[in-house]
Amino acid sequence: MDLALSKEKTDIARMLIRRRLGIEAAAGELEEQLSAAQKQKACLVETIKDQQLQYETLKARAETWQRRSENDSFVSVARSFSVDGRSGQIRDEEIELELIRRKQALAQDGAA
């Protein structure tokens, strides 16, 4: 650029100045982006540390609960207990009888 100015090549000097200013502006934008990315990285690192601590805490609590429940006779009996209180399946006949009863009750309520 100095050479172009000294030889009075103003068109070339303008072109070089335009390029230089463009490069400087782009470099400034990249520095801002880099700074923002570094700040975001630092925040993410902190978040990951916090979440890792929460994970480890929950994991320890779950392991403790599991050890306790394995040793707790009530919990082991409750796990083996059937939901309907019976060890076998409900028979189809029982379901049909209950269905008939409910239909009759509904019909009586509707007639009243």
PDB file of N, CA and C in Angstrom:
ATOM      1  N   MET A   1       0.832  -1.180   0.000  1.00  0.00           N
ATOM      2  CA  MET A   1       0.000   0.000   0.000  1.00  0.00           C
ATOM      3  C   MET A   1       0.884   1.252   0.000  1.00  0.00           C
ATOM      4  N   ASP A   2       1.922   1.253   0.832  1.00  0.00           N
ATOM      5  CA  ASP A   2       2.824   2.412   0.863  1.00  0.00           C
ATOM      6  C   ASP A   2       3.504   2.603  -0.500  1.00  0.00           C
ATOM      7  N   LEU A   3       3.842   1.486  -1.137  1.00  0.00           N
ATOM      8  CA  LEU A   3       4.484   1.556  -2.443  1.00  0.00           C
ATOM      9  C   LEU A   3       3.523   2.163  -3.468  1.00  0.00           C
ATOM     10  N   ALA A   4       2.253   1.742  -3.395  1.00  0.00           N
ATOM     11  CA  ALA A   4       1.257   2.280  -4.328  1.00  0.00           C
ATOM     12  C   ALA A   4       1.071   3.773  -4.105  1.00  0.00           C
ATOM     13  N   LEU A   5       1.075   4.202  -2.862  1.00  0.00           N
ATOM     14  CA  LEU A   5       0.923   5.635  -2.572  1.00  0.00           C
ATOM     15  C   LEU A   5       2.135   6.427  -3.037  1.00  0.00           C
ATOM     16  N   SER A   6       3.302   5.853  -2.827  1.00  0.00           N
ATOM     17  CA  SER A   6       4.513   6.586  -3.231  1.00  0.00           C
ATOM     18  C   SER A   6       4.610   6.720  -4.747  1.00  0.00           C
ATOM     19  N   LYS A   7       4.043   5.772  -5.487  1.00  0.00           N
ATOM     20  CA  LYS A   7       4.077   5.843  -6.940  1.00  0.00           C
ATOM     21  C   LYS A   7       2.803   6.493  -7.496  1.00  0.00           C
ATOM     22  N   GLU A   8       1.983   7.040  -6.563  1.00  0.00           N
ATOM     23  CA  GLU A   8       0.754   7.737  -6.907  1.00  0.00           C
ATOM     24  C   GLU A   8      -0.221   6.841  -7.657  1.00  0.00           C
ATOM     25  N   LYS A   9      -0.314   5.604  -7.241  1.00  0.00           N
ATOM     26  CA  LYS A   9      -1.288   4.657  -7.782  1.00  0.00           C
ATOM     27  C   LYS A   9      -2.463   4.600  -6.804  1.00  0.00           C
ATOM     28  N   THR A  10      -3.281   5.642  -6.851  1.00  0.00           N
ATOM     29  CA  THR A  10      -4.362   5.771  -5.869  1.00  0.00           C
ATOM     30  C   THR A  10      -5.430   4.694  -6.022  1.00  0.00           C
ATOM     31  N   ASP A  11      -5.675   4.225  -7.225  1.00  0.00           N
ATOM     32  CA  ASP A  11      -6.670   3.160  -7.412  1.00  0.00           C
ATOM     33  C   ASP A  11      -6.234   1.884  -6.706  1.00  0.00           C
ATOM     34  N   ILE A  12      -4.975   1.559  -6.861  1.00  0.00           N
ATOM     35  CA  ILE A  12      -4.446   0.353  -6.201  1.00  0.00           C
ATOM     36  C   ILE A  12      -4.453   0.550  -4.683  1.00  0.00           C
ATOM     37  N   ALA A  13      -4.104   1.729  -4.213  1.00  0.00           N
ATOM     38  CA  ALA A  13      -4.098   2.027  -2.776  1.00  0.00           C
ATOM     39  C   ALA A  13      -5.506   1.907  -2.206  1.00  0.00           C
ATOM     40  N   ARG A  14      -6.507   2.411  -2.932  1.00  0.00           N
ATOM     41  CA  ARG A  14      -7.894   2.281  -2.479  1.00  0.00           C
ATOM     42  C   ARG A  14      -8.304   0.801  -2.359  1.00  0.00           C
ATOM     43  N   MET A  15      -7.958   0.039  -3.380  1.00  0.00           N
ATOM     44  CA  MET A  15      -8.300  -1.376  -3.374  1.00  0.00           C
ATOM     45  C   MET A  15      -7.644  -2.085  -2.176  1.00  0.00           C
ATOM     46  N   LEU A  16      -6.400  -1.782  -1.929  1.00  0.00           N
ATOM     47  CA  LEU A  16      -5.687  -2.405  -0.810  1.00  0.00           C
ATOM     48  C   LEU A  16      -6.275  -1.975   0.537  1.00  0.00           C
ATOM     49  N   ILE A  17      -6.654  -0.699   0.639  1.00  0.00           N
ATOM     50  CA  ILE A  17      -7.275  -0.208   1.878  1.00  0.00           C
ATOM     51  C   ILE A  17      -8.616  -0.896   2.086  1.00  0.00           C
ATOM     52  N   ARG A  18      -9.417  -1.045   1.014  1.00  0.00           N
ATOM     53  CA  ARG A  18     -10.708  -1.719   1.105  1.00  0.00           C
ATOM     54  C   ARG A  18     -10.509  -3.166   1.610  1.00  0.00           C
ATOM     55  N   ARG A  19      -9.534  -3.855   1.035  1.00  0.00           N
ATOM     56  CA  ARG A  19      -9.247  -5.232   1.468  1.00  0.00           C
ATOM     57  C   ARG A  19      -8.802  -5.278   2.932  1.00  0.00           C
ATOM     58  N   ARG A  20      -7.908  -4.368   3.261  1.00  0.00           N
ATOM     59  CA  ARG A  20      -7.396  -4.364   4.643  1.00  0.00           C
ATOM     60  C   ARG A  20      -8.508  -4.097   5.648  1.00  0.00           C
ATOM     61  N   LEU A  21      -9.359  -3.109   5.370  1.00  0.00           N
ATOM     62  CA  LEU A  21     -10.460  -2.794   6.279  1.00  0.00           C
ATOM     63  C   LEU A  21     -11.434  -3.979   6.382  1.00  0.00           C
ATOM     64  N   GLY A  22     -11.699  -4.638   5.259  1.00  0.00           N
ATOM     65  CA  GLY A  22     -12.566  -5.818   5.275  1.00  0.00           C
ATOM     66  C   GLY A  22     -11.982  -6.943   6.110  1.00  0.00           C
ATOM     67  N   ILE A  23     -10.701  -7.163   5.958  1.00  0.00           N
ATOM     68  CA  ILE A  23     -10.023  -8.217   6.735  1.00  0.00           C
ATOM     69  C   ILE A  23     -10.016  -7.875   8.216  1.00  0.00           C
ATOM     70  N   GLU A  24      -9.764  -6.602   8.549  1.00  0.00           N
ATOM     71  CA  GLU A  24      -9.772  -6.187   9.953  1.00  0.00           C
ATOM     72  C   GLU A  24     -11.164  -6.345  10.568  1.00  0.00           C
ATOM     73  N   ALA A  25     -12.210  -5.994   9.792  1.00  0.00           N
ATOM     74  CA  ALA A  25     -13.584  -6.142  10.298  1.00  0.00           C
ATOM     75  C   ALA A  25     -13.909  -7.625  10.520  1.00  0.00           C
ATOM     76  N   ALA A  26     -13.515  -8.458   9.562  1.00  0.00           N
ATOM     77  CA  ALA A  26     -13.764  -9.898   9.697  1.00  0.00           C
ATOM     78  C   ALA A  26     -13.001 -10.467  10.888  1.00  0.00           C
ATOM     79  N   ALA A  27     -11.777 -10.009  11.083  1.00  0.00           N
ATOM     80  CA  ALA A  27     -10.980 -10.486  12.219  1.00  0.00           C
ATOM     81  C   ALA A  27     -11.628 -10.069  13.540  1.00  0.00           C
ATOM     82  N   GLY A  28     -12.162  -8.849  13.585  1.00  0.00           N
ATOM     83  CA  GLY A  28     -12.855  -8.396  14.794  1.00  0.00           C
ATOM     84  C   GLY A  28     -14.087  -9.243  15.090  1.00  0.00           C
ATOM     85  N   GLU A  29     -14.865  -9.546  14.042  1.00  0.00           N
ATOM     86  CA  GLU A  29     -16.043 -10.400  14.225  1.00  0.00           C
ATOM     87  C   GLU A  29     -15.653 -11.794  14.702  1.00  0.00           C
ATOM     88  N   LEU A  30     -14.585 -12.332  14.125  1.00  0.00           N
ATOM     89  CA  LEU A  30     -14.133 -13.663  14.543  1.00  0.00           C
ATOM     90  C   LEU A  30     -13.664 -13.668  15.999  1.00  0.00           C
ATOM     91  N   GLU A  31     -13.006 -12.591  16.421  1.00  0.00           N
ATOM     92  CA  GLU A  31     -12.577 -12.496  17.817  1.00  0.00           C
ATOM     93  C   GLU A  31     -13.784 -12.452  18.751  1.00  0.00           C
ATOM     94  N   GLU A  32     -14.827 -11.718  18.355  1.00  0.00           N
ATOM     95  CA  GLU A  32     -16.048 -11.665  19.162  1.00  0.00           C
ATOM     96  C   GLU A  32     -16.710 -13.043  19.234  1.00  0.00           C
ATOM     97  N   GLN A  33     -16.761 -13.725  18.091  1.00  0.00           N
ATOM     98  CA  GLN A  33     -17.349 -15.069  18.064  1.00  0.00           C
ATOM     99  C   GLN A  33     -16.542 -16.030  18.934  1.00  0.00           C
ATOM    100  N   LEU A  34     -15.230 -15.924  18.864  1.00  0.00           N
ATOM    101  CA  LEU A  34     -14.373 -16.782  19.678  1.00  0.00           C
ATOM    102  C   LEU A  34     -14.596 -16.525  21.162  1.00  0.00           C
ATOM    103  N   SER A  35     -14.697 -15.258  21.522  1.00  0.00           N
ATOM    104  CA  SER A  35     -14.940 -14.897  22.921  1.00  0.00           C
ATOM    105  C   SER A  35     -16.282 -15.448  23.395  1.00  0.00           C
ATOM    106  N   ALA A  36     -17.318 -15.302  22.566  1.00  0.00           N
ATOM    107  CA  ALA A  36     -18.644 -15.814  22.925  1.00  0.00           C
ATOM    108  C   ALA A  36     -18.610 -17.335  23.050  1.00  0.00           C
ATOM    109  N   ALA A  37     -17.909 -17.998  22.142  1.00  0.00           N
ATOM    110  CA  ALA A  37     -17.812 -19.461  22.187  1.00  0.00           C
ATOM    111  C   ALA A  37     -17.074 -19.921  23.446  1.00  0.00           C
ATOM    112  N   GLN A  38     -16.040 -19.187  23.830  1.00  0.00           N
ATOM    113  CA  GLN A  38     -15.299 -19.539  25.041  1.00  0.00           C
ATOM    114  C   GLN A  38     -16.164 -19.364  26.286  1.00  0.00           C
ATOM    115  N   LYS A  39     -16.961 -18.301  26.320  1.00  0.00           N
ATOM    116  CA  LYS A  39     -17.868 -18.090  27.453  1.00  0.00           C
ATOM    117  C   LYS A  39     -18.914 -19.199  27.504  1.00  0.00           C
ATOM    118  N   GLN A  40     -19.447 -19.552  26.341  1.00  0.00           N
ATOM    119  CA  GLN A  40     -20.448 -20.620  26.283  1.00  0.00           C
ATOM    120  C   GLN A  40     -19.836 -21.949  26.724  1.00  0.00           C
ATOM    121  N   LYS A  41     -18.621 -22.201  26.313  1.00  0.00           N
ATOM    122  CA  LYS A  41     -17.935 -23.432  26.714  1.00  0.00           C
ATOM    123  C   LYS A  41     -17.769 -23.476  28.227  1.00  0.00           C
ATOM    124  N   ALA A  42     -17.387 -22.365  28.812  1.00  0.00           N
ATOM    125  CA  ALA A  42     -17.204 -22.315  30.263  1.00  0.00           C
ATOM    126  C   ALA A  42     -18.523 -22.589  30.983  1.00  0.00           C
ATOM    127  N   CYS A  43     -19.625 -22.016  30.465  1.00  0.00           N
ATOM    128  CA  CYS A  43     -20.942 -22.268  31.066  1.00  0.00           C
ATOM    129  C   CYS A  43     -21.322 -23.734  30.935  1.00  0.00           C
ATOM    130  N   LEU A  44     -21.066 -24.306  29.773  1.00  0.00           N
ATOM    131  CA  LEU A  44     -21.393 -25.718  29.562  1.00  0.00           C
ATOM    132  C   LEU A  44     -20.566 -26.634  30.464  1.00  0.00           C
ATOM    133  N   VAL A  45     -19.310 -26.285  30.652  1.00  0.00           N
ATOM    134  CA  VAL A  45     -18.455 -27.083  31.548  1.00  0.00           C
ATOM    135  C   VAL A  45     -19.022 -27.051  32.962  1.00  0.00           C
ATOM    136  N   GLU A  46     -19.456 -25.875  33.420  1.00  0.00           N
ATOM    137  CA  GLU A  46     -20.054 -25.752  34.750  1.00  0.00           C
ATOM    138  C   GLU A  46     -21.341 -26.561  34.847  1.00  0.00           C
ATOM    139  N   THR A  47     -22.169 -26.477  33.807  1.00  0.00           N
ATOM    140  CA  THR A  47     -23.426 -27.232  33.794  1.00  0.00           C
ATOM    141  C   THR A  47     -23.155 -28.725  33.854  1.00  0.00           C
ATOM    142  N   ILE A  48     -22.188 -29.171  33.091  1.00  0.00           N
ATOM    143  CA  ILE A  48     -21.842 -30.600  33.088  1.00  0.00           C
ATOM    144  C   ILE A  48     -21.331 -31.025  34.458  1.00  0.00           C
ATOM    145  N   LYS A  49     -20.528 -30.203  35.096  1.00  0.00           N
ATOM    146  CA  LYS A  49     -20.039 -30.535  36.439  1.00  0.00           C
ATOM    147  C   LYS A  49     -21.195 -30.661  37.422  1.00  0.00           C
ATOM    148  N   ASP A  50     -22.132 -29.700  37.360  1.00  0.00           N
ATOM    149  CA  ASP A  50     -23.300 -29.746  38.249  1.00  0.00           C
ATOM    150  C   ASP A  50     -24.141 -30.988  37.979  1.00  0.00           C
ATOM    151  N   GLN A  51     -24.380 -31.278  36.712  1.00  0.00           N
ATOM    152  CA  GLN A  51     -25.191 -32.441  36.370  1.00  0.00           C
ATOM    153  C   GLN A  51     -24.485 -33.738  36.737  1.00  0.00           C
ATOM    154  N   GLN A  52     -23.184 -33.773  36.606  1.00  0.00           N
ATOM    155  CA  GLN A  52     -22.422 -34.971  36.993  1.00  0.00           C
ATOM    156  C   GLN A  52     -22.552 -35.205  38.494  1.00  0.00           C
ATOM    157  N   LEU A  53     -22.489 -34.127  39.267  1.00  0.00           N
ATOM    158  CA  LEU A  53     -22.653 -34.238  40.711  1.00  0.00           C
ATOM    159  C   LEU A  53     -24.057 -34.725  41.052  1.00  0.00           C
ATOM    160  N   GLN A  54     -25.078 -34.172  40.381  1.00  0.00           N
ATOM    161  CA  GLN A  54     -26.455 -34.623  40.602  1.00  0.00           C
ATOM    162  C   GLN A  54     -26.606 -36.100  40.230  1.00  0.00           C
ATOM    163  N   TYR A  55     -26.005 -36.500  39.123  1.00  0.00           N
ATOM    164  CA  TYR A  55     -26.066 -37.894  38.684  1.00  0.00           C
ATOM    165  C   TYR A  55     -25.437 -38.813  39.730  1.00  0.00           C
ATOM    166  N   GLU A  56     -24.260 -38.452  40.188  1.00  0.00           N
ATOM    167  CA  GLU A  56     -23.571 -39.286  41.177  1.00  0.00           C
ATOM    168  C   GLU A  56     -24.389 -39.381  42.472  1.00  0.00           C
ATOM    169  N   THR A  57     -24.999 -38.266  42.877  1.00  0.00           N
ATOM    170  CA  THR A  57     -25.828 -38.264  44.085  1.00  0.00           C
ATOM    171  C   THR A  57     -27.035 -39.175  43.922  1.00  0.00           C
ATOM    172  N   LEU A  58     -27.737 -39.034  42.790  1.00  0.00           N
ATOM    173  CA  LEU A  58     -28.904 -39.882  42.541  1.00  0.00           C
ATOM    174  C   LEU A  58     -28.519 -41.350  42.417  1.00  0.00           C
ATOM    175  N   LYS A  59     -27.398 -41.608  41.801  1.00  0.00           N
ATOM    176  CA  LYS A  59     -26.920 -42.982  41.644  1.00  0.00           C
ATOM    177  C   LYS A  59     -26.648 -43.595  43.011  1.00  0.00           C
ATOM    178  N   ALA A  60     -25.993 -42.839  43.879  1.00  0.00           N
ATOM    179  CA  ALA A  60     -25.705 -43.340  45.227  1.00  0.00           C
ATOM    180  C   ALA A  60     -26.992 -43.581  46.006  1.00  0.00           C
ATOM    181  N   ARG A  61     -27.952 -42.652  45.878  1.00  0.00           N
ATOM    182  CA  ARG A  61     -29.239 -42.837  46.568  1.00  0.00           C
ATOM    183  C   ARG A  61     -29.968 -44.067  46.051  1.00  0.00           C
ATOM    184  N   ALA A  62     -29.936 -44.281  44.741  1.00  0.00           N
ATOM    185  CA  ALA A  62     -30.613 -45.435  44.154  1.00  0.00           C
ATOM    186  C   ALA A  62     -29.955 -46.743  44.614  1.00  0.00           C
ATOM    187  N   GLU A  63     -28.638 -46.747  44.657  1.00  0.00           N
ATOM    188  CA  GLU A  63     -27.930 -47.952  45.112  1.00  0.00           C
ATOM    189  C   GLU A  63     -28.246 -48.234  46.579  1.00  0.00           C
ATOM    190  N   THR A  64     -28.305 -47.187  47.387  1.00  0.00           N
ATOM    191  CA  THR A  64     -28.655 -47.355  48.800  1.00  0.00           C
ATOM    192  C   THR A  64     -30.070 -47.894  48.943  1.00  0.00           C
ATOM    193  N   TRP A  65     -31.011 -47.316  48.192  1.00  0.00           N
ATOM    194  CA  TRP A  65     -32.400 -47.776  48.247  1.00  0.00           C
ATOM    195  C   TRP A  65     -32.497 -49.224  47.798  1.00  0.00           C
ATOM    196  N   GLN A  66     -31.769 -49.579  46.754  1.00  0.00           N
ATOM    197  CA  GLN A  66     -31.820 -50.954  46.260  1.00  0.00           C
ATOM    198  C   GLN A  66     -31.275 -51.925  47.298  1.00  0.00           C
ATOM    199  N   ARG A  67     -30.168 -51.571  47.945  1.00  0.00           N
ATOM    200  CA  ARG A  67     -29.613 -52.453  48.982  1.00  0.00           C
ATOM    201  C   ARG A  67     -30.597 -52.622  50.129  1.00  0.00           C
ATOM    202  N   ARG A  68     -31.223 -51.511  50.534  1.00  0.00           N
ATOM    203  CA  ARG A  68     -32.200 -51.588  51.619  1.00  0.00           C
ATOM    204  C   ARG A  68     -33.391 -52.448  51.227  1.00  0.00           C
ATOM    205  N   SER A  69     -33.896 -52.253  50.025  1.00  0.00           N
ATOM    206  CA  SER A  69     -35.091 -52.986  49.604  1.00  0.00           C
ATOM    207  C   SER A  69     -34.801 -54.471  49.414  1.00  0.00           C
ATOM    208  N   GLU A  70     -33.583 -54.809  49.033  1.00  0.00           N
ATOM    209  CA  GLU A  70     -33.236 -56.221  48.903  1.00  0.00           C
ATOM    210  C   GLU A  70     -33.219 -56.899  50.274  1.00  0.00           C
ATOM    211  N   ASN A  71     -32.882 -56.148  51.291  1.00  0.00           N
ATOM    212  CA  ASN A  71     -32.812 -56.704  52.638  1.00  0.00           C
ATOM    213  C   ASN A  71     -34.130 -56.590  53.384  1.00  0.00           C
ATOM    214  N   ASP A  72     -35.066 -55.806  52.878  1.00  0.00           N
ATOM    215  CA  ASP A  72     -36.343 -55.575  53.541  1.00  0.00           C
ATOM    216  C   ASP A  72     -37.316 -56.690  53.165  1.00  0.00           C
ATOM    217  N   SER A  73     -37.728 -57.470  54.149  1.00  0.00           N
ATOM    218  CA  SER A  73     -38.600 -58.610  53.865  1.00  0.00           C
ATOM    219  C   SER A  73     -39.964 -58.150  53.364  1.00  0.00           C
ATOM    220  N   PHE A  74     -40.466 -57.020  53.852  1.00  0.00           N
ATOM    221  CA  PHE A  74     -41.763 -56.513  53.397  1.00  0.00           C
ATOM    222  C   PHE A  74     -41.730 -56.208  51.906  1.00  0.00           C
ATOM    223  N   VAL A  75     -40.679 -55.545  51.466  1.00  0.00           N
ATOM    224  CA  VAL A  75     -40.576 -55.184  50.054  1.00  0.00           C
ATOM    225  C   VAL A  75     -40.468 -56.429  49.197  1.00  0.00           C
ATOM    226  N   SER A  76     -39.707 -57.411  49.621  1.00  0.00           N
ATOM    227  CA  SER A  76     -39.581 -58.622  48.823  1.00  0.00           C
ATOM    228  C   SER A  76     -40.898 -59.379  48.759  1.00  0.00           C
ATOM    229  N   VAL A  77     -41.671 -59.384  49.857  1.00  0.00           N
ATOM    230  CA  VAL A  77     -42.985 -60.031  49.834  1.00  0.00           C
ATOM    231  C   VAL A  77     -43.921 -59.227  48.936  1.00  0.00           C
ATOM    232  N   ALA A  78     -43.882 -57.913  49.028  1.00  0.00           N
ATOM    233  CA  ALA A  78     -44.753 -57.065  48.210  1.00  0.00           C
ATOM    234  C   ALA A  78     -44.460 -57.247  46.727  1.00  0.00           C
ATOM    235  N   ARG A  79     -43.223 -57.441  46.382  1.00  0.00           N
ATOM    236  CA  ARG A  79     -42.873 -57.646  44.974  1.00  0.00           C
ATOM    237  C   ARG A  79     -43.451 -58.952  44.443  1.00  0.00           C
ATOM    238  N   SER A  80     -43.546 -59.948  45.266  1.00  0.00           N
ATOM    239  CA  SER A  80     -44.059 -61.234  44.804  1.00  0.00           C
ATOM    240  C   SER A  80     -45.579 -61.303  44.871  1.00  0.00           C
ATOM    241  N   PHE A  81     -46.207 -60.310  45.501  1.00  0.00           N
ATOM    242  CA  PHE A  81     -47.656 -60.308  45.682  1.00  0.00           C
ATOM    243  C   PHE A  81     -48.343 -59.928  44.378  1.00  0.00           C
ATOM    244  N   SER A  82     -49.373 -60.654  44.015  1.00  0.00           N
ATOM    245  CA  SER A  82     -50.121 -60.386  42.792  1.00  0.00           C
ATOM    246  C   SER A  82     -50.960 -59.129  42.971  1.00  0.00           C
ATOM    247  N   VAL A  83     -51.145 -58.390  41.899  1.00  0.00           N
ATOM    248  CA  VAL A  83     -51.876 -57.129  41.944  1.00  0.00           C
ATOM    249  C   VAL A  83     -53.321 -57.353  42.365  1.00  0.00           C
ATOM    250  N   ASP A  84     -53.963 -58.401  41.849  1.00  0.00           N
ATOM    251  CA  ASP A  84     -55.364 -58.614  42.175  1.00  0.00           C
ATOM    252  C   ASP A  84     -55.552 -59.430  43.450  1.00  0.00           C
ATOM    253  N   GLY A  85     -54.480 -59.747  44.118  1.00  0.00           N
ATOM    254  CA  GLY A  85     -54.577 -60.472  45.382  1.00  0.00           C
ATOM    255  C   GLY A  85     -54.719 -61.978  45.204  1.00  0.00           C
ATOM    256  N   ARG A  86     -54.684 -62.420  43.986  1.00  0.00           N
ATOM    257  CA  ARG A  86     -54.784 -63.846  43.711  1.00  0.00           C
ATOM    258  C   ARG A  86     -53.524 -64.282  42.998  1.00  0.00           C
ATOM    259  N   SER A  87     -53.219 -65.527  43.155  1.00  0.00           N
ATOM    260  CA  SER A  87     -52.017 -66.016  42.492  1.00  0.00           C
ATOM    261  C   SER A  87     -52.297 -66.398  41.047  1.00  0.00           C
ATOM    262  N   GLY A  88     -53.578 -66.656  40.692  1.00  0.00           N
ATOM    263  CA  GLY A  88     -53.905 -67.080  39.336  1.00  0.00           C
ATOM    264  C   GLY A  88     -54.580 -65.988  38.544  1.00  0.00           C
ATOM    265  N   GLN A  89     -55.015 -66.342  37.368  1.00  0.00           N
ATOM    266  CA  GLN A  89     -55.722 -65.422  36.485  1.00  0.00           C
ATOM    267  C   GLN A  89     -57.192 -65.338  36.878  1.00  0.00           C
ATOM    268  N   ILE A  90     -57.837 -64.238  36.515  1.00  0.00           N
ATOM    269  CA  ILE A  90     -59.279 -64.103  36.713  1.00  0.00           C
ATOM    270  C   ILE A  90     -59.943 -64.873  35.580  1.00  0.00           C
ATOM    271  N   ARG A  91     -60.909 -65.675  35.933  1.00  0.00           N
ATOM    272  CA  ARG A  91     -61.579 -66.497  34.923  1.00  0.00           C
ATOM    273  C   ARG A  91     -62.514 -65.637  34.088  1.00  0.00           C
ATOM    274  N   ASP A  92     -62.739 -66.064  32.847  1.00  0.00           N
ATOM    275  CA  ASP A  92     -63.639 -65.355  31.936  1.00  0.00           C
ATOM    276  C   ASP A  92     -65.065 -65.322  32.474  1.00  0.00           C
ATOM    277  N   GLU A  93     -65.448 -66.382  33.181  1.00  0.00           N
ATOM    278  CA  GLU A  93     -66.803 -66.445  33.735  1.00  0.00           C
ATOM    279  C   GLU A  93     -67.027 -65.334  34.757  1.00  0.00           C
ATOM    280  N   GLU A  94     -66.015 -65.064  35.561  1.00  0.00           N
ATOM    281  CA  GLU A  94     -66.130 -63.999  36.562  1.00  0.00           C
ATOM    282  C   GLU A  94     -66.295 -62.639  35.888  1.00  0.00           C
ATOM    283  N   ILE A  95     -65.577 -62.437  34.803  1.00  0.00           N
ATOM    284  CA  ILE A  95     -65.672 -61.179  34.072  1.00  0.00           C
ATOM    285  C   ILE A  95     -67.070 -61.027  33.476  1.00  0.00           C
ATOM    286  N   GLU A  96     -67.586 -62.104  32.877  1.00  0.00           N
ATOM    287  CA  GLU A  96     -68.923 -62.055  32.273  1.00  0.00           C
ATOM    288  C   GLU A  96     -69.995 -61.790  33.323  1.00  0.00           C
ATOM    289  N   LEU A  97     -69.883 -62.439  34.503  1.00  0.00           N
ATOM    290  CA  LEU A  97     -70.858 -62.210  35.569  1.00  0.00           C
ATOM    291  C   LEU A  97     -70.839 -60.746  36.030  1.00  0.00           C
ATOM    292  N   GLU A  98     -69.649 -60.195  36.185  1.00  0.00           N
ATOM    293  CA  GLU A  98     -69.538 -58.798  36.611  1.00  0.00           C
ATOM    294  C   GLU A  98     -70.114 -57.867  35.544  1.00  0.00           C
ATOM    295  N   LEU A  99     -69.890 -58.170  34.278  1.00  0.00           N
ATOM    296  CA  LEU A  99     -70.430 -57.378  33.186  1.00  0.00           C
ATOM    297  C   LEU A  99     -71.954 -57.390  33.210  1.00  0.00           C
ATOM    298  N   ILE A 100     -72.545 -58.564  33.412  1.00  0.00           N
ATOM    299  CA  ILE A 100     -74.009 -58.688  33.481  1.00  0.00           C
ATOM    300  C   ILE A 100     -74.554 -57.887  34.654  1.00  0.00           C
ATOM    301  N   ARG A 101     -73.913 -57.988  35.818  1.00  0.00           N
ATOM    302  CA  ARG A 101     -74.348 -57.232  37.002  1.00  0.00           C
ATOM    303  C   ARG A 101     -74.332 -55.730  36.738  1.00  0.00           C
ATOM    304  N   ARG A 102     -73.277 -55.244  36.112  1.00  0.00           N
ATOM    305  CA  ARG A 102     -73.156 -53.805  35.856  1.00  0.00           C
ATOM    306  C   ARG A 102     -74.192 -53.333  34.832  1.00  0.00           C
ATOM    307  N   LYS A 103     -74.449 -54.165  33.825  1.00  0.00           N
ATOM    308  CA  LYS A 103     -75.475 -53.813  32.845  1.00  0.00           C
ATOM    309  C   LYS A 103     -76.847 -53.742  33.500  1.00  0.00           C
ATOM    310  N   GLN A 104     -77.151 -54.713  34.387  1.00  0.00           N
ATOM    311  CA  GLN A 104     -78.440 -54.718  35.077  1.00  0.00           C
ATOM    312  C   GLN A 104     -78.568 -53.489  35.981  1.00  0.00           C
ATOM    313  N   ALA A 105     -77.496 -53.157  36.691  1.00  0.00           N
ATOM    314  CA  ALA A 105     -77.536 -51.988  37.562  1.00  0.00           C
ATOM    315  C   ALA A 105     -77.738 -50.713  36.745  1.00  0.00           C
ATOM    316  N   LEU A 106     -77.102 -50.629  35.597  1.00  0.00           N
ATOM    317  CA  LEU A 106     -77.239 -49.464  34.738  1.00  0.00           C
ATOM    318  C   LEU A 106     -78.665 -49.374  34.202  1.00  0.00           C
ATOM    319  N   ALA A 107     -79.233 -50.524  33.823  1.00  0.00           N
ATOM    320  CA  ALA A 107     -80.599 -50.552  33.301  1.00  0.00           C
ATOM    321  C   ALA A 107     -81.586 -50.125  34.387  1.00  0.00           C
ATOM    322  N   GLN A 108     -81.366 -50.571  35.622  1.00  0.00           N
ATOM    323  CA  GLN A 108     -82.277 -50.213  36.736  1.00  0.00           C
ATOM    324  C   GLN A 108     -82.177 -48.721  37.026  1.00  0.00           C
ATOM    325  N   ASP A 109     -80.967 -48.176  36.985  1.00  0.00           N
ATOM    326  CA  ASP A 109     -80.779 -46.740  37.236  1.00  0.00           C
ATOM    327  C   ASP A 109     -81.415 -45.911  36.125  1.00  0.00           C
ATOM    328  N   GLY A 110     -81.344 -46.422  34.902  1.00  0.00           N
ATOM    329  CA  GLY A 110     -81.922 -45.714  33.766  1.00  0.00           C
ATOM    330  C   GLY A 110     -83.443 -45.773  33.777  1.00  0.00           C
ATOM    331  N   ALA A 111     -84.020 -46.864  34.317  1.00  0.00           N
ATOM    332  CA  ALA A 111     -85.476 -47.015  34.358  1.00  0.00           C
ATOM    333  C   ALA A 111     -86.074 -46.199  35.496  1.00  0.00           C
ATOM    334  N   ALA A 112     -85.302 -45.911  36.501  1.00  0.00           N
ATOM    335  CA  ALA A 112     -85.845 -45.206  37.670  1.00  0.00           C
ATOM    336  C   ALA A 112     -85.991 -43.737  37.472  1.00  0.00           C
TER     337      ALA A 112
END
